[in-house]
Amino acid sequence: MKAMDVSVEIHCETCGSANYSLPDGHGDESPIRCNDCGAPQGTIGELKAALVEQVFDHSAEALRRDLERLLAARL
């Protein structure tokens, strides 16, 4: 299985910043806030779920491109 690097950046829905810190404790229910505007960004658990979804979406897109490239090479 080929390893894949995935870069994901989560932006604040209020100000657009990607500047936030994980709270102490790192429990899934711990809240995350934007460091720039203070807007709530959900919880650690919600962040984990969003990251997993983005990784799966990225992986599916990469697999689709690989399949298209292989099919084109066969023609």
PDB file of N, CA and C in Angstrom:
ATOM      1  N   MET A   1       0.846  -1.181   0.000  1.00  0.00           N
ATOM      2  CA  MET A   1       0.000   0.000   0.000  1.00  0.00           C
ATOM      3  C   MET A   1       0.887   1.238   0.000  1.00  0.00           C
ATOM      4  N   LYS A   2       0.559   2.161  -0.864  1.00  0.00           N
ATOM      5  CA  LYS A   2       1.318   3.391  -1.007  1.00  0.00           C
ATOM      6  C   LYS A   2       0.924   4.387   0.083  1.00  0.00           C
ATOM      7  N   ALA A   3       1.916   4.969   0.757  1.00  0.00           N
ATOM      8  CA  ALA A   3       1.638   5.990   1.771  1.00  0.00           C
ATOM      9  C   ALA A   3       1.313   7.300   1.073  1.00  0.00           C
ATOM     10  N   MET A   4       0.480   8.101   1.728  1.00  0.00           N
ATOM     11  CA  MET A   4       0.062   9.353   1.136  1.00  0.00           C
ATOM     12  C   MET A   4       0.198  10.464   2.170  1.00  0.00           C
ATOM     13  N   ASP A   5       0.791  11.578   1.760  1.00  0.00           N
ATOM     14  CA  ASP A   5       0.859  12.751   2.617  1.00  0.00           C
ATOM     15  C   ASP A   5      -0.371  13.597   2.357  1.00  0.00           C
ATOM     16  N   VAL A   6      -1.013  14.018   3.435  1.00  0.00           N
ATOM     17  CA  VAL A   6      -2.190  14.864   3.314  1.00  0.00           C
ATOM     18  C   VAL A   6      -1.983  16.074   4.207  1.00  0.00           C
ATOM     19  N   SER A   7      -2.131  17.251   3.621  1.00  0.00           N
ATOM     20  CA  SER A   7      -2.016  18.493   4.371  1.00  0.00           C
ATOM     21  C   SER A   7      -3.407  19.098   4.504  1.00  0.00           C
ATOM     22  N   VAL A   8      -3.813  19.348   5.730  1.00  0.00           N
ATOM     23  CA  VAL A   8      -5.151  19.875   5.984  1.00  0.00           C
ATOM     24  C   VAL A   8      -5.020  21.113   6.854  1.00  0.00           C
ATOM     25  N   GLU A   9      -5.729  22.166   6.474  1.00  0.00           N
ATOM     26  CA  GLU A   9      -5.739  23.382   7.271  1.00  0.00           C
ATOM     27  C   GLU A   9      -7.191  23.746   7.545  1.00  0.00           C
ATOM     28  N   ILE A  10      -7.517  23.947   8.803  1.00  0.00           N
ATOM     29  CA  ILE A  10      -8.871  24.305   9.208  1.00  0.00           C
ATOM     30  C   ILE A  10      -8.898  25.808   9.476  1.00  0.00           C
ATOM     31  N   HIS A  11      -9.828  26.508   8.840  1.00  0.00           N
ATOM     32  CA  HIS A  11      -9.923  27.960   8.994  1.00  0.00           C
ATOM     33  C   HIS A  11     -11.151  28.330   9.820  1.00  0.00           C
ATOM     34  N   CYS A  12     -11.005  29.384  10.598  1.00  0.00           N
ATOM     35  CA  CYS A  12     -12.104  29.920  11.408  1.00  0.00           C
ATOM     36  C   CYS A  12     -13.222  30.371  10.476  1.00  0.00           C
ATOM     37  N   GLU A  13     -14.445  29.967  10.787  1.00  0.00           N
ATOM     38  CA  GLU A  13     -15.588  30.359   9.967  1.00  0.00           C
ATOM     39  C   GLU A  13     -15.951  31.830  10.161  1.00  0.00           C
ATOM     40  N   THR A  14     -15.445  32.450  11.235  1.00  0.00           N
ATOM     41  CA  THR A  14     -15.762  33.852  11.507  1.00  0.00           C
ATOM     42  C   THR A  14     -14.770  34.803  10.848  1.00  0.00           C
ATOM     43  N   CYS A  15     -13.463  34.570  11.071  1.00  0.00           N
ATOM     44  CA  CYS A  15     -12.464  35.517  10.568  1.00  0.00           C
ATOM     45  C   CYS A  15     -11.540  34.937   9.490  1.00  0.00           C
ATOM     46  N   GLY A  16     -11.608  33.629   9.253  1.00  0.00           N
ATOM     47  CA  GLY A  16     -10.782  33.010   8.220  1.00  0.00           C
ATOM     48  C   GLY A  16      -9.392  32.602   8.669  1.00  0.00           C
ATOM     49  N   SER A  17      -9.037  32.888   9.908  1.00  0.00           N
ATOM     50  CA  SER A  17      -7.719  32.554  10.428  1.00  0.00           C
ATOM     51  C   SER A  17      -7.548  31.045  10.594  1.00  0.00           C
ATOM     52  N   ALA A  18      -6.316  30.586  10.464  1.00  0.00           N
ATOM     53  CA  ALA A  18      -5.980  29.181  10.754  1.00  0.00           C
ATOM     54  C   ALA A  18      -5.173  29.119  12.044  1.00  0.00           C
ATOM     55  N   ASN A  19      -5.312  30.141  12.884  1.00  0.00           N
ATOM     56  CA  ASN A  19      -4.537  30.265  14.108  1.00  0.00           C
ATOM     57  C   ASN A  19      -5.393  29.872  15.308  1.00  0.00           C
ATOM     58  N   TYR A  20      -5.238  28.644  15.753  1.00  0.00           N
ATOM     59  CA  TYR A  20      -5.937  28.180  16.946  1.00  0.00           C
ATOM     60  C   TYR A  20      -5.026  27.213  17.683  1.00  0.00           C
ATOM     61  N   SER A  21      -5.315  27.006  18.948  1.00  0.00           N
ATOM     62  CA  SER A  21      -4.510  26.111  19.778  1.00  0.00           C
ATOM     63  C   SER A  21      -5.401  25.050  20.376  1.00  0.00           C
ATOM     64  N   LEU A  22      -4.845  23.866  20.550  1.00  0.00           N
ATOM     65  CA  LEU A  22      -5.576  22.798  21.225  1.00  0.00           C
ATOM     66  C   LEU A  22      -5.524  23.046  22.723  1.00  0.00           C
ATOM     67  N   PRO A  23      -6.648  22.887  23.412  1.00  0.00           N
ATOM     68  CA  PRO A  23      -6.680  23.141  24.852  1.00  0.00           C
ATOM     69  C   PRO A  23      -5.934  22.064  25.632  1.00  0.00           C
ATOM     70  N   ASP A  24      -5.552  22.406  26.852  1.00  0.00           N
ATOM     71  CA  ASP A  24      -4.928  21.423  27.736  1.00  0.00           C
ATOM     72  C   ASP A  24      -5.904  20.285  27.988  1.00  0.00           C
ATOM     73  N   GLY A  25      -5.382  19.097  28.154  1.00  0.00           N
ATOM     74  CA  GLY A  25      -6.216  17.936  28.423  1.00  0.00           C
ATOM     75  C   GLY A  25      -6.534  17.147  27.177  1.00  0.00           C
ATOM     76  N   HIS A  26      -6.767  17.830  26.076  1.00  0.00           N
ATOM     77  CA  HIS A  26      -7.016  17.215  24.776  1.00  0.00           C
ATOM     78  C   HIS A  26      -8.123  16.170  24.763  1.00  0.00           C
ATOM     79  N   GLY A  27      -9.071  16.240  25.697  1.00  0.00           N
ATOM     80  CA  GLY A  27     -10.214  15.337  25.661  1.00  0.00           C
ATOM     81  C   GLY A  27     -11.112  15.694  24.483  1.00  0.00           C
ATOM     82  N   ASP A  28     -11.848  14.726  23.969  1.00  0.00           N
ATOM     83  CA  ASP A  28     -12.678  14.968  22.787  1.00  0.00           C
ATOM     84  C   ASP A  28     -13.743  16.043  23.001  1.00  0.00           C
ATOM     85  N   GLU A  29     -14.127  16.296  24.227  1.00  0.00           N
ATOM     86  CA  GLU A  29     -15.146  17.315  24.499  1.00  0.00           C
ATOM     87  C   GLU A  29     -14.544  18.690  24.779  1.00  0.00           C
ATOM     88  N   SER A  30     -13.210  18.799  24.763  1.00  0.00           N
ATOM     89  CA  SER A  30     -12.553  20.080  25.021  1.00  0.00           C
ATOM     90  C   SER A  30     -12.835  21.061  23.889  1.00  0.00           C
ATOM     91  N   PRO A  31     -13.230  22.295  24.227  1.00  0.00           N
ATOM     92  CA  PRO A  31     -13.545  23.276  23.185  1.00  0.00           C
ATOM     93  C   PRO A  31     -12.275  23.877  22.566  1.00  0.00           C
ATOM     94  N   ILE A  32     -12.406  24.258  21.297  1.00  0.00           N
ATOM     95  CA  ILE A  32     -11.332  24.934  20.574  1.00  0.00           C
ATOM     96  C   ILE A  32     -11.831  26.329  20.223  1.00  0.00           C
ATOM     97  N   ARG A  33     -10.973  27.335  20.380  1.00  0.00           N
ATOM     98  CA  ARG A  33     -11.324  28.707  20.020  1.00  0.00           C
ATOM     99  C   ARG A  33     -10.247  29.260  19.085  1.00  0.00           C
ATOM    100  N   CYS A  34     -10.671  30.150  18.204  1.00  0.00           N
ATOM    101  CA  CYS A  34      -9.745  30.845  17.317  1.00  0.00           C
ATOM    102  C   CYS A  34      -8.867  31.759  18.167  1.00  0.00           C
ATOM    103  N   ASN A  35      -7.558  31.709  17.944  1.00  0.00           N
ATOM    104  CA  ASN A  35      -6.648  32.579  18.701  1.00  0.00           C
ATOM    105  C   ASN A  35      -6.749  34.037  18.263  1.00  0.00           C
ATOM    106  N   ASP A  36      -7.254  34.300  17.048  1.00  0.00           N
ATOM    107  CA  ASP A  36      -7.312  35.676  16.558  1.00  0.00           C
ATOM    108  C   ASP A  36      -8.585  36.405  16.967  1.00  0.00           C
ATOM    109  N   CYS A  37      -9.753  35.749  16.797  1.00  0.00           N
ATOM    110  CA  CYS A  37     -11.004  36.452  17.103  1.00  0.00           C
ATOM    111  C   CYS A  37     -11.750  35.869  18.306  1.00  0.00           C
ATOM    112  N   GLY A  38     -11.310  34.705  18.797  1.00  0.00           N
ATOM    113  CA  GLY A  38     -11.937  34.093  19.967  1.00  0.00           C
ATOM    114  C   GLY A  38     -13.192  33.291  19.667  1.00  0.00           C
ATOM    115  N   ALA A  39     -13.587  33.196  18.401  1.00  0.00           N
ATOM    116  CA  ALA A  39     -14.810  32.470  18.045  1.00  0.00           C
ATOM    117  C   ALA A  39     -14.653  30.985  18.341  1.00  0.00           C
ATOM    118  N   PRO A  40     -15.707  30.339  18.847  1.00  0.00           N
ATOM    119  CA  PRO A  40     -15.647  28.903  19.096  1.00  0.00           C
ATOM    120  C   PRO A  40     -15.504  28.134  17.777  1.00  0.00           C
ATOM    121  N   GLN A  41     -14.677  27.102  17.791  1.00  0.00           N
ATOM    122  CA  GLN A  41     -14.420  26.293  16.602  1.00  0.00           C
ATOM    123  C   GLN A  41     -14.890  24.855  16.769  1.00  0.00           C
ATOM    124  N   GLY A  42     -15.677  24.593  17.787  1.00  0.00           N
ATOM    125  CA  GLY A  42     -16.153  23.240  18.054  1.00  0.00           C
ATOM    126  C   GLY A  42     -15.304  22.572  19.113  1.00  0.00           C
ATOM    127  N   THR A  43     -15.298  21.258  19.088  1.00  0.00           N
ATOM    128  CA  THR A  43     -14.541  20.495  20.086  1.00  0.00           C
ATOM    129  C   THR A  43     -13.422  19.708  19.408  1.00  0.00           C
ATOM    130  N   ILE A  44     -12.539  19.154  20.216  1.00  0.00           N
ATOM    131  CA  ILE A  44     -11.466  18.303  19.696  1.00  0.00           C
ATOM    132  C   ILE A  44     -12.080  17.136  18.911  1.00  0.00           C
ATOM    133  N   GLY A  45     -13.135  16.522  19.434  1.00  0.00           N
ATOM    134  CA  GLY A  45     -13.786  15.401  18.754  1.00  0.00           C
ATOM    135  C   GLY A  45     -14.332  15.805  17.392  1.00  0.00           C
ATOM    136  N   GLU A  46     -14.930  16.988  17.314  1.00  0.00           N
ATOM    137  CA  GLU A  46     -15.451  17.469  16.030  1.00  0.00           C
ATOM    138  C   GLU A  46     -14.315  17.748  15.054  1.00  0.00           C
ATOM    139  N   LEU A  47     -13.209  18.293  15.558  1.00  0.00           N
ATOM    140  CA  LEU A  47     -12.040  18.543  14.713  1.00  0.00           C
ATOM    141  C   LEU A  47     -11.487  17.231  14.163  1.00  0.00           C
ATOM    142  N   LYS A  48     -11.384  16.219  15.023  1.00  0.00           N
ATOM    143  CA  LYS A  48     -10.897  14.910  14.570  1.00  0.00           C
ATOM    144  C   LYS A  48     -11.796  14.350  13.471  1.00  0.00           C
ATOM    145  N   ALA A  49     -13.103  14.443  13.657  1.00  0.00           N
ATOM    146  CA  ALA A  49     -14.046  13.922  12.667  1.00  0.00           C
ATOM    147  C   ALA A  49     -13.909  14.672  11.340  1.00  0.00           C
ATOM    148  N   ALA A  50     -13.756  15.987  11.397  1.00  0.00           N
ATOM    149  CA  ALA A  50     -13.595  16.788  10.174  1.00  0.00           C
ATOM    150  C   ALA A  50     -12.297  16.430   9.460  1.00  0.00           C
ATOM    151  N   LEU A  51     -11.229  16.203  10.213  1.00  0.00           N
ATOM    152  CA  LEU A  51      -9.950  15.839   9.605  1.00  0.00           C
ATOM    153  C   LEU A  51     -10.027  14.473   8.935  1.00  0.00           C
ATOM    154  N   VAL A  52     -10.669  13.512   9.597  1.00  0.00           N
ATOM    155  CA  VAL A  52     -10.827  12.173   9.007  1.00  0.00           C
ATOM    156  C   VAL A  52     -11.629  12.268   7.714  1.00  0.00           C
ATOM    157  N   GLU A  53     -12.688  13.057   7.724  1.00  0.00           N
ATOM    158  CA  GLU A  53     -13.511  13.219   6.521  1.00  0.00           C
ATOM    159  C   GLU A  53     -12.693  13.816   5.374  1.00  0.00           C
ATOM    160  N   GLN A  54     -11.867  14.831   5.682  1.00  0.00           N
ATOM    161  CA  GLN A  54     -11.045  15.443   4.644  1.00  0.00           C
ATOM    162  C   GLN A  54     -10.004  14.458   4.110  1.00  0.00           C
ATOM    163  N   VAL A  55      -9.419  13.651   4.989  1.00  0.00           N
ATOM    164  CA  VAL A  55      -8.440  12.654   4.548  1.00  0.00           C
ATOM    165  C   VAL A  55      -9.105  11.642   3.626  1.00  0.00           C
ATOM    166  N   PHE A  56     -10.292  11.144   3.998  1.00  0.00           N
ATOM    167  CA  PHE A  56     -11.002  10.190   3.148  1.00  0.00           C
ATOM    168  C   PHE A  56     -11.373  10.817   1.806  1.00  0.00           C
ATOM    169  N   ASP A  57     -11.847  12.066   1.826  1.00  0.00           N
ATOM    170  CA  ASP A  57     -12.179  12.750   0.574  1.00  0.00           C
ATOM    171  C   ASP A  57     -10.948  12.884  -0.309  1.00  0.00           C
ATOM    172  N   HIS A  58      -9.832  13.268   0.296  1.00  0.00           N
ATOM    173  CA  HIS A  58      -8.578  13.420  -0.456  1.00  0.00           C
ATOM    174  C   HIS A  58      -8.128  12.072  -1.001  1.00  0.00           C
ATOM    175  N   SER A  59      -8.221  11.027  -0.192  1.00  0.00           N
ATOM    176  CA  SER A  59      -7.805   9.687  -0.611  1.00  0.00           C
ATOM    177  C   SER A  59      -8.652   9.197  -1.772  1.00  0.00           C
ATOM    178  N   ALA A  60      -9.964   9.408  -1.704  1.00  0.00           N
ATOM    179  CA  ALA A  60     -10.851   8.977  -2.779  1.00  0.00           C
ATOM    180  C   ALA A  60     -10.522   9.713  -4.069  1.00  0.00           C
ATOM    181  N   GLU A  61     -10.232  10.996  -3.986  1.00  0.00           N
ATOM    182  CA  GLU A  61      -9.871  11.772  -5.171  1.00  0.00           C
ATOM    183  C   GLU A  61      -8.554  11.274  -5.760  1.00  0.00           C
ATOM    184  N   ALA A  62      -7.581  10.986  -4.920  1.00  0.00           N
ATOM    185  CA  ALA A  62      -6.293  10.476  -5.397  1.00  0.00           C
ATOM    186  C   ALA A  62      -6.468   9.120  -6.070  1.00  0.00           C
ATOM    187  N   LEU A  63      -7.287   8.253  -5.510  1.00  0.00           N
ATOM    188  CA  LEU A  63      -7.549   6.942  -6.119  1.00  0.00           C
ATOM    189  C   LEU A  63      -8.245   7.092  -7.474  1.00  0.00           C
ATOM    190  N   ARG A  64      -9.186   8.022  -7.561  1.00  0.00           N
ATOM    191  CA  ARG A  64      -9.880   8.263  -8.818  1.00  0.00           C
ATOM    192  C   ARG A  64      -8.895   8.726  -9.895  1.00  0.00           C
ATOM    193  N   ARG A  65      -7.983   9.646  -9.546  1.00  0.00           N
ATOM    194  CA  ARG A  65      -6.971  10.121 -10.501  1.00  0.00           C
ATOM    195  C   ARG A  65      -6.055   8.985 -10.934  1.00  0.00           C
ATOM    196  N   ASP A  66      -5.629   8.134  -9.977  1.00  0.00           N
ATOM    197  CA  ASP A  66      -4.777   6.995 -10.315  1.00  0.00           C
ATOM    198  C   ASP A  66      -5.487   6.050 -11.272  1.00  0.00           C
ATOM    199  N   LEU A  67      -6.769   5.769 -11.017  1.00  0.00           N
ATOM    200  CA  LEU A  67      -7.541   4.882 -11.891  1.00  0.00           C
ATOM    201  C   LEU A  67      -7.664   5.478 -13.290  1.00  0.00           C
ATOM    202  N   GLU A  68      -7.961   6.763 -13.379  1.00  0.00           N
ATOM    203  CA  GLU A  68      -8.070   7.414 -14.684  1.00  0.00           C
ATOM    204  C   GLU A  68      -6.744   7.343 -15.441  1.00  0.00           C
ATOM    205  N   ARG A  69      -5.632   7.548 -14.742  1.00  0.00           N
ATOM    206  CA  ARG A  69      -4.311   7.484 -15.369  1.00  0.00           C
ATOM    207  C   ARG A  69      -4.031   6.069 -15.872  1.00  0.00           C
ATOM    208  N   LEU A  70      -4.362   5.051 -15.076  1.00  0.00           N
ATOM    209  CA  LEU A  70      -4.139   3.666 -15.489  1.00  0.00           C
ATOM    210  C   LEU A  70      -5.013   3.300 -16.682  1.00  0.00           C
ATOM    211  N   LEU A  71      -6.279   3.726 -16.663  1.00  0.00           N
ATOM    212  CA  LEU A  71      -7.173   3.424 -17.780  1.00  0.00           C
ATOM    213  C   LEU A  71      -6.698   4.127 -19.051  1.00  0.00           C
ATOM    214  N   ALA A  72      -6.236   5.341 -18.938  1.00  0.00           N
ATOM    215  CA  ALA A  72      -5.736   6.070 -20.109  1.00  0.00           C
ATOM    216  C   ALA A  72      -4.493   5.414 -20.671  1.00  0.00           C
ATOM    217  N   ALA A  73      -3.655   4.851 -19.816  1.00  0.00           N
ATOM    218  CA  ALA A  73      -2.420   4.192 -20.259  1.00  0.00           C
ATOM    219  C   ALA A  73      -2.727   2.912 -21.022  1.00  0.00           C
ATOM    220  N   ARG A  74      -3.860   2.274 -20.738  1.00  0.00           N
ATOM    221  CA  ARG A  74      -4.232   1.025 -21.401  1.00  0.00           C
ATOM    222  C   ARG A  74      -4.745   1.252 -22.816  1.00  0.00           C
ATOM    223  N   LEU A  75      -5.166   2.449 -23.131  1.00  0.00           N
ATOM    224  CA  LEU A  75      -5.754   2.744 -24.453  1.00  0.00           C
ATOM    225  C   LEU A  75      -4.723   2.869 -25.523  1.00  0.00           C
TER     226      LEU A  75
END
